[in-house]
Amino acid sequence: MPCVILSGAVAAGKTSVMRLLKPSLGEAALGFSADECVKQAYEVSAVRKRLVDAFGEQMEPGLRQALADDETGEALKAWIREHVLPSPERRTRLEAILHPYVRQELEALRQQREGNLLVAEVPLHYETGGLISADLVIVVAASRSVQVRRMMESRGLDEATTQAFLNAQWPIEAKVEKADGVIWNDGDPSALECQTLLLANLLQHE
């Protein structure tokens, strides 16, 4: 199945582009979100066990089993946000567990219906070395100042935390340079909608 990846910068509008694309492409196209897949991974007991085993030495006594047994995965996600994400070394270990799971789920979806289009929202496509094969990569981009403003407004982060978050990802200029196509989202919603409709028309005629 042909695969188009939507990647790019945090707070640039990837999810909005995906939402706009779906009705334009119709039922023939399948959608996939790496972020949603990661959320679902925490509900899988085998994944929770691997995560708890990987970071158990940092957990307080008695907490390890409780996190492994929590079927929602919410408590484990909260613990990882606080104790794993701030550390580059621990974050690498986390990604070594979650990224292959995402790839496995996406490839399984890709094999379901041969001949149809799969549009996958994969924020860290370039950071993971192009772990998922794609026929076309579209980067959704915005200027750094707009990213910072959106993250501070939507997530309630201070500027220092926001800048640190952005610094952990590839610079948007590097992603734009590698992309097959770019949607620039510094303007109003109507500009984003127009660009997305153009992309939908392109994909329908490929």
N, C-alpha and C. Protein backbone atom coordinates (compact mmCIF):
# COMPACT_ATOMS: atom_id res chain seq x y z
N MET A 1 0.84 -1.19 0.00
CA MET A 1 0.00 0.00 0.00
C MET A 1 0.88 1.25 0.00
N PRO A 2 0.64 2.18 -0.90
CA PRO A 2 1.42 3.43 -0.89
C PRO A 2 1.28 4.15 0.44
N CYS A 3 2.39 4.72 0.91
CA CYS A 3 2.39 5.38 2.22
C CYS A 3 2.91 6.81 2.10
N VAL A 4 2.11 7.75 2.60
CA VAL A 4 2.52 9.15 2.70
C VAL A 4 2.71 9.48 4.17
N ILE A 5 3.84 10.03 4.51
CA ILE A 5 4.12 10.39 5.90
C ILE A 5 3.99 11.89 6.07
N LEU A 6 3.23 12.29 7.10
CA LEU A 6 3.17 13.67 7.54
C LEU A 6 4.10 13.81 8.73
N SER A 7 5.12 14.62 8.60
CA SER A 7 6.07 14.82 9.68
C SER A 7 6.26 16.32 9.86
N GLY A 8 7.28 16.68 10.63
CA GLY A 8 7.57 18.09 10.80
C GLY A 8 7.74 18.51 12.23
N ALA A 9 7.44 19.75 12.48
CA ALA A 9 7.74 20.36 13.77
C ALA A 9 6.58 20.21 14.74
N VAL A 10 6.93 20.16 16.03
CA VAL A 10 5.91 20.20 17.06
C VAL A 10 5.19 21.55 17.00
N ALA A 11 3.88 21.52 17.20
CA ALA A 11 3.04 22.73 17.19
C ALA A 11 3.00 23.42 15.82
N ALA A 12 3.28 22.64 14.78
CA ALA A 12 3.22 23.21 13.43
C ALA A 12 1.87 22.96 12.77
N GLY A 13 1.14 21.94 13.23
CA GLY A 13 -0.18 21.69 12.67
C GLY A 13 -0.36 20.37 11.97
N LYS A 14 0.48 19.36 12.27
CA LYS A 14 0.37 18.06 11.61
C LYS A 14 -1.01 17.43 11.83
N THR A 15 -1.48 17.49 13.06
CA THR A 15 -2.77 16.88 13.37
C THR A 15 -3.90 17.59 12.64
N SER A 16 -3.81 18.90 12.51
CA SER A 16 -4.83 19.66 11.77
C SER A 16 -4.83 19.27 10.30
N VAL A 17 -3.65 19.09 9.72
CA VAL A 17 -3.56 18.67 8.32
C VAL A 17 -4.18 17.29 8.16
N MET A 18 -3.88 16.38 9.07
CA MET A 18 -4.46 15.04 9.01
C MET A 18 -5.99 15.10 9.08
N ARG A 19 -6.50 15.92 9.98
CA ARG A 19 -7.95 16.05 10.14
C ARG A 19 -8.60 16.59 8.86
N LEU A 20 -7.93 17.53 8.21
CA LEU A 20 -8.47 18.12 6.97
C LEU A 20 -8.35 17.17 5.79
N LEU A 21 -7.32 16.33 5.80
CA LEU A 21 -7.10 15.41 4.68
C LEU A 21 -8.14 14.30 4.62
N LYS A 22 -8.55 13.80 5.76
CA LYS A 22 -9.40 12.61 5.80
C LYS A 22 -10.65 12.74 4.94
N PRO A 23 -11.48 13.78 5.13
CA PRO A 23 -12.69 13.86 4.29
C PRO A 23 -12.39 14.10 2.82
N SER A 24 -11.27 14.74 2.53
CA SER A 24 -10.91 15.02 1.13
C SER A 24 -10.49 13.77 0.38
N LEU A 25 -9.84 12.84 1.08
CA LEU A 25 -9.34 11.63 0.43
C LEU A 25 -10.39 10.52 0.39
N GLY A 26 -11.37 10.59 1.28
CA GLY A 26 -12.43 9.59 1.27
C GLY A 26 -12.06 8.29 1.94
N GLU A 27 -12.95 7.29 1.79
CA GLU A 27 -12.80 6.02 2.48
C GLU A 27 -11.66 5.17 1.94
N ALA A 28 -11.17 5.50 0.76
CA ALA A 28 -10.10 4.69 0.17
C ALA A 28 -8.78 4.86 0.90
N ALA A 29 -8.65 5.92 1.68
CA ALA A 29 -7.40 6.20 2.38
C ALA A 29 -7.51 5.80 3.85
N LEU A 30 -6.44 5.24 4.37
CA LEU A 30 -6.34 4.90 5.78
C LEU A 30 -5.49 5.93 6.49
N GLY A 31 -5.83 6.25 7.73
CA GLY A 31 -5.04 7.18 8.53
C GLY A 31 -4.37 6.47 9.68
N PHE A 32 -3.21 6.99 10.08
CA PHE A 32 -2.45 6.41 11.19
C PHE A 32 -1.76 7.53 11.94
N SER A 33 -1.79 7.48 13.27
CA SER A 33 -1.11 8.47 14.10
C SER A 33 -0.11 7.76 15.00
N ALA A 34 1.17 8.09 14.85
CA ALA A 34 2.19 7.50 15.71
C ALA A 34 1.96 7.87 17.17
N ASP A 35 1.53 9.11 17.42
CA ASP A 35 1.28 9.54 18.80
C ASP A 35 0.16 8.71 19.43
N GLU A 36 -0.92 8.48 18.67
CA GLU A 36 -2.02 7.68 19.20
C GLU A 36 -1.58 6.24 19.41
N CYS A 37 -0.72 5.73 18.53
CA CYS A 37 -0.21 4.38 18.67
C CYS A 37 0.61 4.23 19.94
N VAL A 38 1.42 5.25 20.25
CA VAL A 38 2.22 5.22 21.48
C VAL A 38 1.30 5.21 22.70
N LYS A 39 0.24 6.01 22.67
CA LYS A 39 -0.71 6.03 23.79
C LYS A 39 -1.32 4.64 24.00
N GLN A 40 -1.67 3.99 22.89
CA GLN A 40 -2.25 2.65 22.98
C GLN A 40 -1.24 1.62 23.46
N ALA A 41 0.04 1.85 23.17
CA ALA A 41 1.08 0.90 23.57
C ALA A 41 1.12 0.72 25.08
N TYR A 42 0.83 1.79 25.81
CA TYR A 42 0.86 1.71 27.27
C TYR A 42 -0.27 0.84 27.82
N GLU A 43 -1.26 0.54 27.01
CA GLU A 43 -2.36 -0.32 27.43
C GLU A 43 -2.06 -1.79 27.17
N VAL A 44 -0.95 -2.06 26.50
CA VAL A 44 -0.56 -3.45 26.18
C VAL A 44 0.33 -3.97 27.29
N SER A 45 -0.08 -5.05 27.92
CA SER A 45 0.64 -5.54 29.11
C SER A 45 2.09 -5.89 28.80
N ALA A 46 2.35 -6.47 27.63
CA ALA A 46 3.73 -6.85 27.29
C ALA A 46 4.62 -5.63 27.14
N VAL A 47 4.08 -4.53 26.59
CA VAL A 47 4.85 -3.30 26.45
C VAL A 47 5.09 -2.68 27.82
N ARG A 48 4.06 -2.63 28.65
CA ARG A 48 4.23 -2.09 30.01
C ARG A 48 5.31 -2.85 30.77
N LYS A 49 5.31 -4.17 30.63
CA LYS A 49 6.31 -4.98 31.33
C LYS A 49 7.71 -4.64 30.85
N ARG A 50 7.90 -4.47 29.54
CA ARG A 50 9.22 -4.12 29.02
C ARG A 50 9.66 -2.75 29.56
N LEU A 51 8.75 -1.81 29.62
CA LEU A 51 9.09 -0.48 30.11
C LEU A 51 9.45 -0.51 31.60
N VAL A 52 8.65 -1.24 32.36
CA VAL A 52 8.93 -1.35 33.80
C VAL A 52 10.26 -2.06 34.03
N ASP A 53 10.54 -3.11 33.25
CA ASP A 53 11.81 -3.81 33.39
C ASP A 53 12.99 -2.90 33.02
N ALA A 54 12.77 -2.02 32.02
CA ALA A 54 13.85 -1.16 31.54
C ALA A 54 14.20 -0.08 32.54
N PHE A 55 13.20 0.39 33.31
CA PHE A 55 13.43 1.53 34.20
C PHE A 55 13.14 1.22 35.67
N GLY A 56 12.98 -0.06 35.96
CA GLY A 56 12.61 -0.44 37.32
C GLY A 56 13.58 -0.02 38.39
N GLU A 57 14.88 0.08 38.01
CA GLU A 57 15.88 0.45 39.03
C GLU A 57 15.68 1.87 39.54
N GLN A 58 14.97 2.71 38.77
CA GLN A 58 14.71 4.08 39.22
C GLN A 58 13.40 4.22 40.01
N MET A 59 12.63 3.12 40.11
CA MET A 59 11.31 3.19 40.73
C MET A 59 11.39 2.93 42.23
N GLU A 60 10.49 3.58 42.96
CA GLU A 60 10.42 3.37 44.40
C GLU A 60 9.91 1.95 44.69
N PRO A 61 10.29 1.40 45.85
CA PRO A 61 9.82 0.06 46.22
C PRO A 61 8.29 -0.01 46.22
N GLY A 62 7.77 -1.05 45.65
CA GLY A 62 6.32 -1.23 45.60
C GLY A 62 5.65 -0.61 44.39
N LEU A 63 6.32 0.33 43.75
CA LEU A 63 5.72 1.03 42.61
C LEU A 63 5.79 0.20 41.34
N ARG A 64 6.86 -0.57 41.21
CA ARG A 64 7.11 -1.30 39.96
C ARG A 64 5.92 -2.17 39.55
N GLN A 65 5.44 -3.02 40.46
CA GLN A 65 4.34 -3.92 40.13
C GLN A 65 3.04 -3.16 39.89
N ALA A 66 2.83 -2.09 40.65
CA ALA A 66 1.61 -1.29 40.48
C ALA A 66 1.55 -0.68 39.08
N LEU A 67 2.68 -0.19 38.58
CA LEU A 67 2.71 0.40 37.25
C LEU A 67 2.51 -0.66 36.17
N ALA A 68 3.08 -1.84 36.39
CA ALA A 68 2.91 -2.92 35.41
C ALA A 68 1.47 -3.41 35.35
N ASP A 69 0.77 -3.35 36.49
CA ASP A 69 -0.60 -3.88 36.56
C ASP A 69 -1.66 -2.88 36.14
N ASP A 70 -1.31 -1.60 36.02
CA ASP A 70 -2.28 -0.57 35.66
C ASP A 70 -2.65 -0.69 34.18
N GLU A 71 -3.81 -1.22 33.88
CA GLU A 71 -4.18 -1.53 32.50
C GLU A 71 -4.37 -0.27 31.64
N THR A 72 -4.62 0.87 32.25
CA THR A 72 -4.77 2.10 31.47
C THR A 72 -3.42 2.64 31.01
N GLY A 73 -2.37 2.31 31.76
CA GLY A 73 -1.03 2.82 31.44
C GLY A 73 -0.82 4.27 31.81
N GLU A 74 -1.83 4.92 32.37
CA GLU A 74 -1.72 6.34 32.66
C GLU A 74 -0.68 6.63 33.73
N ALA A 75 -0.63 5.83 34.77
CA ALA A 75 0.33 6.06 35.84
C ALA A 75 1.76 5.87 35.32
N LEU A 76 1.96 4.88 34.47
CA LEU A 76 3.29 4.64 33.91
C LEU A 76 3.71 5.79 32.98
N LYS A 77 2.77 6.28 32.17
CA LYS A 77 3.08 7.42 31.30
C LYS A 77 3.50 8.63 32.13
N ALA A 78 2.77 8.89 33.21
CA ALA A 78 3.10 10.04 34.06
C ALA A 78 4.48 9.87 34.68
N TRP A 79 4.80 8.67 35.12
CA TRP A 79 6.11 8.42 35.73
C TRP A 79 7.21 8.62 34.69
N ILE A 80 7.00 8.13 33.48
CA ILE A 80 8.00 8.26 32.43
C ILE A 80 8.20 9.73 32.03
N ARG A 81 7.13 10.50 31.96
CA ARG A 81 7.26 11.93 31.65
C ARG A 81 8.18 12.61 32.65
N GLU A 82 8.06 12.23 33.93
CA GLU A 82 8.84 12.90 34.97
C GLU A 82 10.26 12.37 35.09
N HIS A 83 10.44 11.07 34.94
CA HIS A 83 11.73 10.46 35.26
C HIS A 83 12.56 10.00 34.06
N VAL A 84 11.95 9.88 32.89
CA VAL A 84 12.66 9.36 31.73
C VAL A 84 12.90 10.42 30.67
N LEU A 85 11.85 11.15 30.29
CA LEU A 85 11.98 12.11 29.19
C LEU A 85 13.05 13.18 29.41
N PRO A 86 13.30 13.66 30.65
CA PRO A 86 14.35 14.68 30.82
C PRO A 86 15.77 14.17 30.58
N SER A 87 15.96 12.84 30.57
CA SER A 87 17.30 12.27 30.42
C SER A 87 17.49 11.73 29.00
N PRO A 88 18.45 12.26 28.23
CA PRO A 88 18.68 11.75 26.87
C PRO A 88 18.98 10.26 26.83
N GLU A 89 19.75 9.76 27.79
CA GLU A 89 20.10 8.34 27.79
C GLU A 89 18.86 7.47 28.05
N ARG A 90 18.04 7.87 29.02
CA ARG A 90 16.83 7.10 29.30
C ARG A 90 15.83 7.23 28.17
N ARG A 91 15.76 8.40 27.56
CA ARG A 91 14.83 8.61 26.45
C ARG A 91 15.20 7.70 25.28
N THR A 92 16.49 7.48 25.05
CA THR A 92 16.93 6.58 23.99
C THR A 92 16.47 5.15 24.28
N ARG A 93 16.55 4.74 25.54
CA ARG A 93 16.08 3.41 25.91
C ARG A 93 14.57 3.28 25.71
N LEU A 94 13.85 4.35 26.06
CA LEU A 94 12.40 4.36 25.87
C LEU A 94 12.04 4.22 24.40
N GLU A 95 12.71 4.98 23.55
CA GLU A 95 12.43 4.96 22.11
C GLU A 95 12.75 3.59 21.50
N ALA A 96 13.77 2.91 22.05
CA ALA A 96 14.14 1.58 21.54
C ALA A 96 13.03 0.56 21.77
N ILE A 97 12.14 0.85 22.72
CA ILE A 97 11.00 -0.03 22.98
C ILE A 97 9.77 0.42 22.19
N LEU A 98 9.50 1.71 22.19
CA LEU A 98 8.26 2.21 21.59
C LEU A 98 8.31 2.32 20.07
N HIS A 99 9.45 2.74 19.51
CA HIS A 99 9.50 2.94 18.06
C HIS A 99 9.29 1.65 17.26
N PRO A 100 9.92 0.53 17.64
CA PRO A 100 9.62 -0.71 16.91
C PRO A 100 8.16 -1.13 17.02
N TYR A 101 7.53 -0.85 18.16
CA TYR A 101 6.11 -1.18 18.31
C TYR A 101 5.27 -0.36 17.32
N VAL A 102 5.58 0.93 17.20
CA VAL A 102 4.85 1.78 16.26
C VAL A 102 5.05 1.28 14.84
N ARG A 103 6.28 0.97 14.50
CA ARG A 103 6.55 0.49 13.14
C ARG A 103 5.78 -0.80 12.86
N GLN A 104 5.75 -1.71 13.82
CA GLN A 104 5.04 -2.98 13.66
C GLN A 104 3.55 -2.74 13.42
N GLU A 105 2.95 -1.84 14.19
CA GLU A 105 1.52 -1.57 14.05
C GLU A 105 1.22 -0.90 12.70
N LEU A 106 2.09 0.01 12.28
CA LEU A 106 1.87 0.68 11.01
C LEU A 106 2.01 -0.29 9.84
N GLU A 107 3.02 -1.14 9.88
CA GLU A 107 3.22 -2.09 8.79
C GLU A 107 2.08 -3.10 8.73
N ALA A 108 1.53 -3.46 9.90
CA ALA A 108 0.39 -4.38 9.91
C ALA A 108 -0.82 -3.73 9.23
N LEU A 109 -1.03 -2.44 9.50
CA LEU A 109 -2.12 -1.71 8.86
C LEU A 109 -1.88 -1.59 7.36
N ARG A 110 -0.64 -1.37 7.01
CA ARG A 110 -0.27 -1.19 5.60
C ARG A 110 -0.57 -2.43 4.77
N GLN A 111 -0.51 -3.61 5.39
CA GLN A 111 -0.73 -4.86 4.67
C GLN A 111 -2.20 -5.25 4.59
N GLN A 112 -3.06 -4.51 5.27
CA GLN A 112 -4.46 -4.92 5.35
C GLN A 112 -5.19 -4.79 4.02
N ARG A 113 -4.97 -3.67 3.33
CA ARG A 113 -5.71 -3.40 2.11
C ARG A 113 -4.76 -2.93 1.02
N GLU A 114 -4.34 -3.87 0.22
CA GLU A 114 -3.39 -3.56 -0.85
C GLU A 114 -4.02 -2.60 -1.86
N GLY A 115 -3.22 -1.66 -2.33
CA GLY A 115 -3.67 -0.77 -3.39
C GLY A 115 -4.27 0.53 -2.92
N ASN A 116 -4.55 0.69 -1.62
CA ASN A 116 -5.09 1.91 -1.08
C ASN A 116 -3.99 2.79 -0.52
N LEU A 117 -4.35 4.00 -0.17
CA LEU A 117 -3.37 4.97 0.33
C LEU A 117 -3.37 4.99 1.85
N LEU A 118 -2.19 5.01 2.44
CA LEU A 118 -2.03 5.14 3.88
C LEU A 118 -1.35 6.47 4.17
N VAL A 119 -2.00 7.30 4.98
CA VAL A 119 -1.42 8.58 5.40
C VAL A 119 -1.08 8.46 6.88
N ALA A 120 0.21 8.54 7.19
CA ALA A 120 0.68 8.31 8.55
C ALA A 120 1.29 9.58 9.13
N GLU A 121 0.79 9.99 10.28
CA GLU A 121 1.35 11.13 11.00
C GLU A 121 2.47 10.61 11.90
N VAL A 122 3.71 10.93 11.54
CA VAL A 122 4.88 10.41 12.26
C VAL A 122 5.78 11.60 12.60
N PRO A 123 5.60 12.22 13.77
CA PRO A 123 6.35 13.44 14.11
C PRO A 123 7.87 13.26 14.06
N LEU A 124 8.37 12.11 14.50
CA LEU A 124 9.82 11.91 14.60
C LEU A 124 10.37 11.07 13.45
N HIS A 125 9.80 11.23 12.27
CA HIS A 125 10.23 10.43 11.12
C HIS A 125 11.73 10.57 10.87
N TYR A 126 12.24 11.78 10.85
CA TYR A 126 13.65 11.99 10.55
C TYR A 126 14.53 11.66 11.76
N GLU A 127 14.03 11.97 12.96
CA GLU A 127 14.82 11.68 14.17
C GLU A 127 15.07 10.19 14.34
N THR A 128 14.15 9.36 13.82
CA THR A 128 14.30 7.90 13.95
C THR A 128 15.02 7.31 12.74
N GLY A 129 15.57 8.16 11.89
CA GLY A 129 16.32 7.66 10.74
C GLY A 129 15.45 7.08 9.65
N GLY A 130 14.21 7.60 9.52
CA GLY A 130 13.32 7.08 8.50
C GLY A 130 12.97 5.63 8.75
N LEU A 131 12.65 5.31 10.00
CA LEU A 131 12.37 3.93 10.41
C LEU A 131 11.24 3.32 9.60
N ILE A 132 10.29 4.15 9.17
CA ILE A 132 9.13 3.70 8.41
C ILE A 132 9.32 4.09 6.95
N SER A 133 9.22 3.13 6.05
CA SER A 133 9.39 3.42 4.62
C SER A 133 8.19 4.21 4.11
N ALA A 134 8.46 5.14 3.20
CA ALA A 134 7.41 6.01 2.69
C ALA A 134 7.62 6.29 1.22
N ASP A 135 6.51 6.49 0.52
CA ASP A 135 6.58 6.87 -0.89
C ASP A 135 6.67 8.39 -1.04
N LEU A 136 6.22 9.11 -0.03
CA LEU A 136 6.22 10.58 -0.06
C LEU A 136 6.26 11.09 1.38
N VAL A 137 7.12 12.06 1.65
CA VAL A 137 7.17 12.67 2.99
C VAL A 137 6.82 14.14 2.87
N ILE A 138 5.76 14.53 3.58
CA ILE A 138 5.32 15.92 3.62
C ILE A 138 5.63 16.48 5.01
N VAL A 139 6.36 17.57 5.06
CA VAL A 139 6.68 18.21 6.34
C VAL A 139 5.75 19.39 6.56
N VAL A 140 5.13 19.41 7.72
CA VAL A 140 4.31 20.55 8.14
C VAL A 140 5.19 21.41 9.04
N ALA A 141 5.38 22.67 8.64
CA ALA A 141 6.38 23.51 9.30
C ALA A 141 5.80 24.85 9.72
N ALA A 142 6.47 25.44 10.68
CA ALA A 142 6.14 26.79 11.15
C ALA A 142 7.42 27.41 11.69
N SER A 143 7.46 28.73 11.77
CA SER A 143 8.64 29.39 12.30
C SER A 143 8.77 29.11 13.79
N ARG A 144 9.99 29.21 14.29
CA ARG A 144 10.28 28.89 15.69
C ARG A 144 9.44 29.76 16.63
N SER A 145 9.31 31.03 16.34
CA SER A 145 8.56 31.92 17.22
C SER A 145 7.10 31.50 17.32
N VAL A 146 6.54 31.04 16.20
CA VAL A 146 5.16 30.58 16.21
C VAL A 146 5.03 29.28 16.99
N GLN A 147 5.99 28.38 16.82
CA GLN A 147 5.99 27.14 17.60
C GLN A 147 5.99 27.44 19.09
N VAL A 148 6.89 28.33 19.50
CA VAL A 148 7.01 28.66 20.92
C VAL A 148 5.70 29.23 21.45
N ARG A 149 5.12 30.16 20.71
CA ARG A 149 3.86 30.77 21.16
C ARG A 149 2.76 29.74 21.28
N ARG A 150 2.62 28.89 20.28
CA ARG A 150 1.55 27.89 20.31
C ARG A 150 1.73 26.91 21.46
N MET A 151 2.97 26.47 21.69
CA MET A 151 3.19 25.51 22.77
C MET A 151 2.93 26.13 24.13
N MET A 152 3.34 27.38 24.31
CA MET A 152 3.10 28.04 25.59
C MET A 152 1.61 28.25 25.83
N GLU A 153 0.88 28.57 24.77
CA GLU A 153 -0.56 28.82 24.91
C GLU A 153 -1.35 27.53 25.09
N SER A 154 -1.01 26.49 24.29
CA SER A 154 -1.82 25.27 24.31
C SER A 154 -1.44 24.30 25.42
N ARG A 155 -0.16 24.32 25.83
CA ARG A 155 0.30 23.35 26.82
C ARG A 155 0.64 23.97 28.17
N GLY A 156 0.57 25.28 28.24
CA GLY A 156 0.85 25.95 29.51
C GLY A 156 2.30 25.86 29.95
N LEU A 157 3.23 25.74 29.00
CA LEU A 157 4.64 25.62 29.32
C LEU A 157 5.30 27.00 29.41
N ASP A 158 6.36 27.10 30.20
CA ASP A 158 7.12 28.34 30.19
C ASP A 158 8.08 28.32 29.01
N GLU A 159 8.69 29.46 28.70
CA GLU A 159 9.50 29.55 27.50
C GLU A 159 10.74 28.66 27.57
N ALA A 160 11.38 28.56 28.74
CA ALA A 160 12.58 27.74 28.86
C ALA A 160 12.27 26.27 28.58
N THR A 161 11.17 25.77 29.12
CA THR A 161 10.78 24.38 28.89
C THR A 161 10.45 24.15 27.43
N THR A 162 9.77 25.12 26.83
CA THR A 162 9.40 25.02 25.42
C THR A 162 10.64 24.97 24.53
N GLN A 163 11.61 25.84 24.80
CA GLN A 163 12.84 25.87 24.01
C GLN A 163 13.60 24.56 24.15
N ALA A 164 13.63 24.00 25.35
CA ALA A 164 14.32 22.72 25.59
C ALA A 164 13.64 21.60 24.81
N PHE A 165 12.31 21.64 24.77
CA PHE A 165 11.55 20.64 24.03
C PHE A 165 11.90 20.71 22.55
N LEU A 166 11.93 21.92 22.00
CA LEU A 166 12.23 22.11 20.58
C LEU A 166 13.67 21.72 20.26
N ASN A 167 14.57 21.99 21.18
CA ASN A 167 15.99 21.67 20.96
C ASN A 167 16.24 20.16 20.91
N ALA A 168 15.32 19.37 21.46
CA ALA A 168 15.49 17.92 21.47
C ALA A 168 15.13 17.30 20.12
N GLN A 169 14.53 18.10 19.22
CA GLN A 169 14.15 17.60 17.90
C GLN A 169 15.05 18.22 16.83
N TRP A 170 14.98 17.64 15.65
CA TRP A 170 15.71 18.22 14.51
C TRP A 170 15.23 19.64 14.26
N PRO A 171 16.11 20.54 13.84
CA PRO A 171 15.67 21.88 13.42
C PRO A 171 14.70 21.75 12.24
N ILE A 172 13.69 22.57 12.22
CA ILE A 172 12.69 22.47 11.16
C ILE A 172 13.31 22.71 9.79
N GLU A 173 14.37 23.53 9.74
CA GLU A 173 15.03 23.78 8.45
C GLU A 173 15.60 22.50 7.85
N ALA A 174 16.14 21.62 8.70
CA ALA A 174 16.70 20.36 8.23
C ALA A 174 15.61 19.43 7.70
N LYS A 175 14.46 19.43 8.36
CA LYS A 175 13.35 18.59 7.90
C LYS A 175 12.78 19.11 6.58
N VAL A 176 12.67 20.42 6.47
CA VAL A 176 12.17 21.02 5.23
C VAL A 176 13.08 20.67 4.06
N GLU A 177 14.39 20.70 4.31
CA GLU A 177 15.35 20.41 3.25
C GLU A 177 15.22 18.99 2.73
N LYS A 178 14.88 18.05 3.60
CA LYS A 178 14.78 16.65 3.22
C LYS A 178 13.42 16.27 2.65
N ALA A 179 12.41 17.07 2.90
CA ALA A 179 11.04 16.71 2.56
C ALA A 179 10.80 16.67 1.06
N ASP A 180 9.80 15.86 0.66
CA ASP A 180 9.33 15.87 -0.73
C ASP A 180 8.38 17.04 -0.98
N GLY A 181 7.73 17.51 0.07
CA GLY A 181 6.82 18.64 -0.02
C GLY A 181 6.66 19.29 1.33
N VAL A 182 6.29 20.56 1.35
CA VAL A 182 6.19 21.31 2.61
C VAL A 182 4.86 22.06 2.67
N ILE A 183 4.21 21.97 3.82
CA ILE A 183 3.06 22.82 4.13
C ILE A 183 3.50 23.80 5.20
N TRP A 184 3.44 25.10 4.87
CA TRP A 184 3.91 26.13 5.82
C TRP A 184 2.71 26.69 6.56
N ASN A 185 2.76 26.61 7.88
CA ASN A 185 1.58 26.94 8.69
C ASN A 185 1.88 28.03 9.72
N ASP A 186 2.27 29.19 9.22
CA ASP A 186 2.42 30.37 10.08
C ASP A 186 1.19 31.27 10.03
N GLY A 187 0.31 31.02 9.05
CA GLY A 187 -0.81 31.92 8.81
C GLY A 187 -2.09 31.50 9.50
N ASP A 188 -3.22 31.94 8.94
CA ASP A 188 -4.51 31.63 9.54
C ASP A 188 -5.00 30.26 9.06
N PRO A 189 -6.06 29.73 9.67
CA PRO A 189 -6.55 28.39 9.32
C PRO A 189 -6.94 28.23 7.85
N SER A 190 -7.42 29.30 7.23
CA SER A 190 -7.83 29.19 5.82
C SER A 190 -6.63 28.90 4.92
N ALA A 191 -5.47 29.47 5.25
CA ALA A 191 -4.26 29.20 4.46
C ALA A 191 -3.84 27.75 4.59
N LEU A 192 -3.95 27.20 5.80
CA LEU A 192 -3.61 25.80 6.02
C LEU A 192 -4.59 24.90 5.26
N GLU A 193 -5.86 25.27 5.27
CA GLU A 193 -6.87 24.47 4.57
C GLU A 193 -6.61 24.45 3.07
N CYS A 194 -6.25 25.58 2.50
CA CYS A 194 -5.98 25.65 1.06
C CYS A 194 -4.80 24.76 0.69
N GLN A 195 -3.73 24.82 1.47
CA GLN A 195 -2.56 23.98 1.19
C GLN A 195 -2.90 22.50 1.32
N THR A 196 -3.71 22.16 2.32
CA THR A 196 -4.08 20.77 2.53
C THR A 196 -4.94 20.25 1.39
N LEU A 197 -5.85 21.07 0.88
CA LEU A 197 -6.69 20.67 -0.25
C LEU A 197 -5.84 20.44 -1.50
N LEU A 198 -4.81 21.27 -1.68
CA LEU A 198 -3.90 21.07 -2.81
C LEU A 198 -3.17 19.73 -2.68
N LEU A 199 -2.75 19.41 -1.46
CA LEU A 199 -2.09 18.13 -1.23
C LEU A 199 -3.05 16.97 -1.51
N ALA A 200 -4.30 17.10 -1.06
CA ALA A 200 -5.30 16.05 -1.29
C ALA A 200 -5.50 15.82 -2.78
N ASN A 201 -5.58 16.89 -3.55
CA ASN A 201 -5.75 16.77 -5.00
C ASN A 201 -4.55 16.06 -5.63
N LEU A 202 -3.35 16.40 -5.15
CA LEU A 202 -2.14 15.76 -5.66
C LEU A 202 -2.17 14.25 -5.38
N LEU A 203 -2.54 13.88 -4.16
CA LEU A 203 -2.53 12.47 -3.79
C LEU A 203 -3.60 11.69 -4.55
N GLN A 204 -4.71 12.32 -4.84
CA GLN A 204 -5.78 11.62 -5.55
C GLN A 204 -5.41 11.35 -7.01
N HIS A 205 -4.45 12.12 -7.54
CA HIS A 205 -4.09 11.95 -8.95
C HIS A 205 -2.74 11.25 -9.14
N GLU A 206 -2.16 10.81 -8.02
CA GLU A 206 -0.88 10.09 -8.13
C GLU A 206 -1.12 8.69 -8.72
